[in-house]
Amino acid sequence: MLKTQICVTRPLCVKDKVFSTPVPDITNLKARITDAFVTIAEDLLENTWREIDYRLDVLRATKGARVEVY
């Protein structure tokens, strides 16, 4: 099972990115929210790719032997 490190407090991560400075208007707020979620999606994909790459390295190093990775 592939486990990725996801920010458990996802709403707080978005909140920190959106409200880092005062919001001048609703259009700006919408743009900040969209940008915050795009960044989170990229981070999640990068972490997932890193974990897959690590597991492939383990398989190569052990020549395919079953290894439990926590």
PDB file of N, CA and C in Angstrom:
ATOM      1  N   MET A   1       0.847  -1.182   0.000  1.00  0.00           N
ATOM      2  CA  MET A   1       0.000   0.000   0.000  1.00  0.00           C
ATOM      3  C   MET A   1       0.890   1.243   0.000  1.00  0.00           C
ATOM      4  N   LEU A   2       0.597   2.151  -0.903  1.00  0.00           N
ATOM      5  CA  LEU A   2       1.387   3.370  -1.021  1.00  0.00           C
ATOM      6  C   LEU A   2       0.909   4.391  -0.008  1.00  0.00           C
ATOM      7  N   LYS A   3       1.810   4.818   0.838  1.00  0.00           N
ATOM      8  CA  LYS A   3       1.469   5.832   1.837  1.00  0.00           C
ATOM      9  C   LYS A   3       2.211   7.109   1.476  1.00  0.00           C
ATOM     10  N   THR A   4       1.511   8.213   1.486  1.00  0.00           N
ATOM     11  CA  THR A   4       2.154   9.491   1.230  1.00  0.00           C
ATOM     12  C   THR A   4       1.970  10.377   2.441  1.00  0.00           C
ATOM     13  N   GLN A   5       2.904  11.270   2.623  1.00  0.00           N
ATOM     14  CA  GLN A   5       2.771  12.202   3.736  1.00  0.00           C
ATOM     15  C   GLN A   5       1.907  13.364   3.276  1.00  0.00           C
ATOM     16  N   ILE A   6       0.730  13.415   3.838  1.00  0.00           N
ATOM     17  CA  ILE A   6      -0.217  14.472   3.494  1.00  0.00           C
ATOM     18  C   ILE A   6      -0.398  15.341   4.725  1.00  0.00           C
ATOM     19  N   CYS A   7      -0.457  16.620   4.505  1.00  0.00           N
ATOM     20  CA  CYS A   7      -0.695  17.532   5.618  1.00  0.00           C
ATOM     21  C   CYS A   7      -2.039  17.170   6.252  1.00  0.00           C
ATOM     22  N   VAL A   8      -2.013  16.705   7.484  1.00  0.00           N
ATOM     23  CA  VAL A   8      -3.227  16.278   8.167  1.00  0.00           C
ATOM     24  C   VAL A   8      -4.182  17.444   8.337  1.00  0.00           C
ATOM     25  N   THR A   9      -3.636  18.601   8.518  1.00  0.00           N
ATOM     26  CA  THR A   9      -4.470  19.789   8.692  1.00  0.00           C
ATOM     27  C   THR A   9      -4.570  20.539   7.372  1.00  0.00           C
ATOM     28  N   ARG A  10      -4.993  19.838   6.327  1.00  0.00           N
ATOM     29  CA  ARG A  10      -5.083  20.412   4.975  1.00  0.00           C
ATOM     30  C   ARG A  10      -5.808  21.754   4.969  1.00  0.00           C
ATOM     31  N   PRO A  11      -6.959  21.912   5.628  1.00  0.00           N
ATOM     32  CA  PRO A  11      -7.609  23.220   5.619  1.00  0.00           C
ATOM     33  C   PRO A  11      -6.714  24.327   6.186  1.00  0.00           C
ATOM     34  N   LEU A  12      -5.898  24.003   7.188  1.00  0.00           N
ATOM     35  CA  LEU A  12      -5.006  25.018   7.743  1.00  0.00           C
ATOM     36  C   LEU A  12      -3.906  25.380   6.754  1.00  0.00           C
ATOM     37  N   CYS A  13      -3.429  24.399   5.993  1.00  0.00           N
ATOM     38  CA  CYS A  13      -2.412  24.684   4.972  1.00  0.00           C
ATOM     39  C   CYS A  13      -2.962  25.666   3.945  1.00  0.00           C
ATOM     40  N   VAL A  14      -4.180  25.421   3.503  1.00  0.00           N
ATOM     41  CA  VAL A  14      -4.817  26.313   2.529  1.00  0.00           C
ATOM     42  C   VAL A  14      -5.045  27.672   3.151  1.00  0.00           C
ATOM     43  N   LYS A  15      -5.534  27.691   4.370  1.00  0.00           N
ATOM     44  CA  LYS A  15      -5.798  28.950   5.059  1.00  0.00           C
ATOM     45  C   LYS A  15      -4.531  29.795   5.156  1.00  0.00           C
ATOM     46  N   ASP A  16      -3.414  29.163   5.524  1.00  0.00           N
ATOM     47  CA  ASP A  16      -2.154  29.897   5.642  1.00  0.00           C
ATOM     48  C   ASP A  16      -1.726  30.508   4.317  1.00  0.00           C
ATOM     49  N   LYS A  17      -1.932  29.777   3.223  1.00  0.00           N
ATOM     50  CA  LYS A  17      -1.550  30.291   1.910  1.00  0.00           C
ATOM     51  C   LYS A  17      -2.495  31.390   1.430  1.00  0.00           C
ATOM     52  N   VAL A  18      -3.786  31.225   1.696  1.00  0.00           N
ATOM     53  CA  VAL A  18      -4.783  32.180   1.212  1.00  0.00           C
ATOM     54  C   VAL A  18      -4.737  33.485   1.990  1.00  0.00           C
ATOM     55  N   PHE A  19      -4.628  33.390   3.302  1.00  0.00           N
ATOM     56  CA  PHE A  19      -4.717  34.584   4.131  1.00  0.00           C
ATOM     57  C   PHE A  19      -3.366  35.053   4.666  1.00  0.00           C
ATOM     58  N   SER A  20      -2.296  34.826   3.902  1.00  0.00           N
ATOM     59  CA  SER A  20      -0.967  35.267   4.339  1.00  0.00           C
ATOM     60  C   SER A  20      -0.883  36.793   4.431  1.00  0.00           C
ATOM     61  N   THR A  21      -1.653  37.479   3.610  1.00  0.00           N
ATOM     62  CA  THR A  21      -1.771  38.940   3.657  1.00  0.00           C
ATOM     63  C   THR A  21      -3.259  39.279   3.535  1.00  0.00           C
ATOM     64  N   PRO A  22      -3.654  40.493   3.898  1.00  0.00           N
ATOM     65  CA  PRO A  22      -5.070  40.868   3.791  1.00  0.00           C
ATOM     66  C   PRO A  22      -5.591  40.726   2.351  1.00  0.00           C
ATOM     67  N   VAL A  23      -6.839  40.292   2.217  1.00  0.00           N
ATOM     68  CA  VAL A  23      -7.452  40.081   0.906  1.00  0.00           C
ATOM     69  C   VAL A  23      -8.195  41.351   0.499  1.00  0.00           C
ATOM     70  N   PRO A  24      -7.788  41.962  -0.625  1.00  0.00           N
ATOM     71  CA  PRO A  24      -8.410  43.222  -1.035  1.00  0.00           C
ATOM     72  C   PRO A  24      -9.824  43.074  -1.606  1.00  0.00           C
ATOM     73  N   ASP A  25     -10.112  41.970  -2.329  1.00  0.00           N
ATOM     74  CA  ASP A  25     -11.446  41.796  -2.916  1.00  0.00           C
ATOM     75  C   ASP A  25     -11.734  40.322  -3.188  1.00  0.00           C
ATOM     76  N   ILE A  26     -12.964  40.028  -3.586  1.00  0.00           N
ATOM     77  CA  ILE A  26     -13.399  38.645  -3.786  1.00  0.00           C
ATOM     78  C   ILE A  26     -12.663  37.980  -4.953  1.00  0.00           C
ATOM     79  N   THR A  27     -12.359  38.726  -5.992  1.00  0.00           N
ATOM     80  CA  THR A  27     -11.642  38.179  -7.137  1.00  0.00           C
ATOM     81  C   THR A  27     -10.255  37.700  -6.716  1.00  0.00           C
ATOM     82  N   ASN A  28      -9.603  38.511  -5.920  1.00  0.00           N
ATOM     83  CA  ASN A  28      -8.277  38.143  -5.417  1.00  0.00           C
ATOM     84  C   ASN A  28      -8.380  36.921  -4.509  1.00  0.00           C
ATOM     85  N   LEU A  29      -9.416  36.864  -3.695  1.00  0.00           N
ATOM     86  CA  LEU A  29      -9.622  35.728  -2.799  1.00  0.00           C
ATOM     87  C   LEU A  29      -9.801  34.438  -3.597  1.00  0.00           C
ATOM     88  N   LYS A  30     -10.612  34.486  -4.645  1.00  0.00           N
ATOM     89  CA  LYS A  30     -10.826  33.307  -5.495  1.00  0.00           C
ATOM     90  C   LYS A  30      -9.506  32.842  -6.117  1.00  0.00           C
ATOM     91  N   ALA A  31      -8.724  33.787  -6.598  1.00  0.00           N
ATOM     92  CA  ALA A  31      -7.437  33.447  -7.216  1.00  0.00           C
ATOM     93  C   ALA A  31      -6.491  32.812  -6.200  1.00  0.00           C
ATOM     94  N   ARG A  32      -6.462  33.341  -4.990  1.00  0.00           N
ATOM     95  CA  ARG A  32      -5.595  32.785  -3.943  1.00  0.00           C
ATOM     96  C   ARG A  32      -5.998  31.363  -3.571  1.00  0.00           C
ATOM     97  N   ILE A  33      -7.304  31.125  -3.471  1.00  0.00           N
ATOM     98  CA  ILE A  33      -7.793  29.786  -3.132  1.00  0.00           C
ATOM     99  C   ILE A  33      -7.411  28.795  -4.231  1.00  0.00           C
ATOM    100  N   THR A  34      -7.630  29.187  -5.472  1.00  0.00           N
ATOM    101  CA  THR A  34      -7.279  28.322  -6.600  1.00  0.00           C
ATOM    102  C   THR A  34      -5.791  28.020  -6.600  1.00  0.00           C
ATOM    103  N   ASP A  35      -4.976  29.033  -6.414  1.00  0.00           N
ATOM    104  CA  ASP A  35      -3.515  28.843  -6.392  1.00  0.00           C
ATOM    105  C   ASP A  35      -3.082  27.934  -5.239  1.00  0.00           C
ATOM    106  N   ALA A  36      -3.721  28.075  -4.097  1.00  0.00           N
ATOM    107  CA  ALA A  36      -3.365  27.248  -2.937  1.00  0.00           C
ATOM    108  C   ALA A  36      -3.639  25.779  -3.222  1.00  0.00           C
ATOM    109  N   PHE A  37      -4.774  25.466  -3.835  1.00  0.00           N
ATOM    110  CA  PHE A  37      -5.086  24.068  -4.136  1.00  0.00           C
ATOM    111  C   PHE A  37      -4.219  23.510  -5.250  1.00  0.00           C
ATOM    112  N   VAL A  38      -3.851  24.324  -6.210  1.00  0.00           N
ATOM    113  CA  VAL A  38      -2.949  23.862  -7.272  1.00  0.00           C
ATOM    114  C   VAL A  38      -1.604  23.485  -6.662  1.00  0.00           C
ATOM    115  N   THR A  39      -1.096  24.292  -5.761  1.00  0.00           N
ATOM    116  CA  THR A  39       0.176  24.015  -5.109  1.00  0.00           C
ATOM    117  C   THR A  39       0.111  22.729  -4.298  1.00  0.00           C
ATOM    118  N   ILE A  40      -0.974  22.523  -3.592  1.00  0.00           N
ATOM    119  CA  ILE A  40      -1.119  21.317  -2.780  1.00  0.00           C
ATOM    120  C   ILE A  40      -1.133  20.086  -3.667  1.00  0.00           C
ATOM    121  N   ALA A  41      -1.833  20.148  -4.772  1.00  0.00           N
ATOM    122  CA  ALA A  41      -1.887  19.009  -5.675  1.00  0.00           C
ATOM    123  C   ALA A  41      -0.486  18.679  -6.198  1.00  0.00           C
ATOM    124  N   GLU A  42       0.297  19.684  -6.552  1.00  0.00           N
ATOM    125  CA  GLU A  42       1.663  19.462  -7.028  1.00  0.00           C
ATOM    126  C   GLU A  42       2.516  18.830  -5.937  1.00  0.00           C
ATOM    127  N   ASP A  43       2.400  19.337  -4.717  1.00  0.00           N
ATOM    128  CA  ASP A  43       3.164  18.783  -3.598  1.00  0.00           C
ATOM    129  C   ASP A  43       2.812  17.315  -3.374  1.00  0.00           C
ATOM    130  N   LEU A  44       1.535  17.009  -3.424  1.00  0.00           N
ATOM    131  CA  LEU A  44       1.089  15.643  -3.215  1.00  0.00           C
ATOM    132  C   LEU A  44       1.653  14.729  -4.295  1.00  0.00           C
ATOM    133  N   LEU A  45       1.604  15.179  -5.539  1.00  0.00           N
ATOM    134  CA  LEU A  45       2.144  14.377  -6.634  1.00  0.00           C
ATOM    135  C   LEU A  45       3.654  14.191  -6.501  1.00  0.00           C
ATOM    136  N   GLU A  46       4.361  15.241  -6.124  1.00  0.00           N
ATOM    137  CA  GLU A  46       5.813  15.141  -5.949  1.00  0.00           C
ATOM    138  C   GLU A  46       6.155  14.162  -4.828  1.00  0.00           C
ATOM    139  N   ASN A  47       5.452  14.222  -3.713  1.00  0.00           N
ATOM    140  CA  ASN A  47       5.701  13.300  -2.604  1.00  0.00           C
ATOM    141  C   ASN A  47       5.409  11.859  -3.009  1.00  0.00           C
ATOM    142  N   THR A  48       4.321  11.671  -3.745  1.00  0.00           N
ATOM    143  CA  THR A  48       3.965  10.336  -4.203  1.00  0.00           C
ATOM    144  C   THR A  48       5.036   9.791  -5.140  1.00  0.00           C
ATOM    145  N   TRP A  49       5.482  10.618  -6.086  1.00  0.00           N
ATOM    146  CA  TRP A  49       6.524  10.191  -7.016  1.00  0.00           C
ATOM    147  C   TRP A  49       7.813   9.848  -6.268  1.00  0.00           C
ATOM    148  N   ARG A  50       8.183  10.646  -5.295  1.00  0.00           N
ATOM    149  CA  ARG A  50       9.387  10.388  -4.496  1.00  0.00           C
ATOM    150  C   ARG A  50       9.298   9.034  -3.788  1.00  0.00           C
ATOM    151  N   GLU A  51       8.119   8.735  -3.245  1.00  0.00           N
ATOM    152  CA  GLU A  51       7.951   7.465  -2.545  1.00  0.00           C
ATOM    153  C   GLU A  51       8.018   6.286  -3.514  1.00  0.00           C
ATOM    154  N   ILE A  52       7.403   6.412  -4.675  1.00  0.00           N
ATOM    155  CA  ILE A  52       7.481   5.346  -5.678  1.00  0.00           C
ATOM    156  C   ILE A  52       8.923   5.134  -6.107  1.00  0.00           C
ATOM    157  N   ASP A  53       9.632   6.216  -6.347  1.00  0.00           N
ATOM    158  CA  ASP A  53      11.040   6.136  -6.743  1.00  0.00           C
ATOM    159  C   ASP A  53      11.872   5.442  -5.666  1.00  0.00           C
ATOM    160  N   TYR A  54      11.620   5.775  -4.411  1.00  0.00           N
ATOM    161  CA  TYR A  54      12.331   5.154  -3.294  1.00  0.00           C
ATOM    162  C   TYR A  54      12.071   3.651  -3.261  1.00  0.00           C
ATOM    163  N   ARG A  55      10.812   3.272  -3.423  1.00  0.00           N
ATOM    164  CA  ARG A  55      10.460   1.856  -3.384  1.00  0.00           C
ATOM    165  C   ARG A  55      11.075   1.092  -4.551  1.00  0.00           C
ATOM    166  N   LEU A  56      11.161   1.725  -5.706  1.00  0.00           N
ATOM    167  CA  LEU A  56      11.840   1.083  -6.839  1.00  0.00           C
ATOM    168  C   LEU A  56      13.319   0.895  -6.543  1.00  0.00           C
ATOM    169  N   ASP A  57      13.928   1.881  -5.896  1.00  0.00           N
ATOM    170  CA  ASP A  57      15.337   1.746  -5.492  1.00  0.00           C
ATOM    171  C   ASP A  57      15.520   0.572  -4.532  1.00  0.00           C
ATOM    172  N   VAL A  58      14.590   0.402  -3.595  1.00  0.00           N
ATOM    173  CA  VAL A  58      14.664  -0.713  -2.654  1.00  0.00           C
ATOM    174  C   VAL A  58      14.553  -2.035  -3.414  1.00  0.00           C
ATOM    175  N   LEU A  59      13.631  -2.114  -4.362  1.00  0.00           N
ATOM    176  CA  LEU A  59      13.485  -3.333  -5.156  1.00  0.00           C
ATOM    177  C   LEU A  59      14.763  -3.653  -5.932  1.00  0.00           C
ATOM    178  N   ARG A  60      15.364  -2.629  -6.520  1.00  0.00           N
ATOM    179  CA  ARG A  60      16.613  -2.838  -7.264  1.00  0.00           C
ATOM    180  C   ARG A  60      17.727  -3.311  -6.336  1.00  0.00           C
ATOM    181  N   ALA A  61      17.828  -2.701  -5.169  1.00  0.00           N
ATOM    182  CA  ALA A  61      18.900  -3.034  -4.231  1.00  0.00           C
ATOM    183  C   ALA A  61      18.745  -4.453  -3.673  1.00  0.00           C
ATOM    184  N   THR A  62      17.489  -4.891  -3.489  1.00  0.00           N
ATOM    185  CA  THR A  62      17.265  -6.226  -2.926  1.00  0.00           C
ATOM    186  C   THR A  62      17.009  -7.264  -4.008  1.00  0.00           C
ATOM    187  N   LYS A  63      17.134  -6.847  -5.259  1.00  0.00           N
ATOM    188  CA  LYS A  63      16.904  -7.736  -6.416  1.00  0.00           C
ATOM    189  C   LYS A  63      15.518  -8.375  -6.368  1.00  0.00           C
ATOM    190  N   GLY A  64      14.542  -7.584  -5.958  1.00  0.00           N
ATOM    191  CA  GLY A  64      13.153  -8.022  -5.981  1.00  0.00           C
ATOM    192  C   GLY A  64      12.673  -8.756  -4.751  1.00  0.00           C
ATOM    193  N   ALA A  65      13.532  -8.936  -3.753  1.00  0.00           N
ATOM    194  CA  ALA A  65      13.097  -9.618  -2.535  1.00  0.00           C
ATOM    195  C   ALA A  65      12.026  -8.782  -1.837  1.00  0.00           C
ATOM    196  N   ARG A  66      11.102  -9.464  -1.202  1.00  0.00           N
ATOM    197  CA  ARG A  66      10.017  -8.740  -0.514  1.00  0.00           C
ATOM    198  C   ARG A  66      10.592  -8.040   0.723  1.00  0.00           C
ATOM    199  N   VAL A  67      10.315  -6.734   0.813  1.00  0.00           N
ATOM    200  CA  VAL A  67      10.798  -5.929   1.930  1.00  0.00           C
ATOM    201  C   VAL A  67       9.644  -5.085   2.426  1.00  0.00           C
ATOM    202  N   GLU A  68       9.417  -5.098   3.718  1.00  0.00           N
ATOM    203  CA  GLU A  68       8.387  -4.237   4.302  1.00  0.00           C
ATOM    204  C   GLU A  68       8.978  -2.848   4.518  1.00  0.00           C
ATOM    205  N   VAL A  69       8.321  -1.839   3.991  1.00  0.00           N
ATOM    206  CA  VAL A  69       8.778  -0.461   4.149  1.00  0.00           C
ATOM    207  C   VAL A  69       7.712   0.293   4.922  1.00  0.00           C
ATOM    208  N   TYR A  70       8.115   0.923   6.003  1.00  0.00           N
ATOM    209  CA  TYR A  70       7.163   1.658   6.826  1.00  0.00           C
ATOM    210  C   TYR A  70       7.373   3.127   6.683  1.00  0.00           C
TER     211      TYR A  70
END
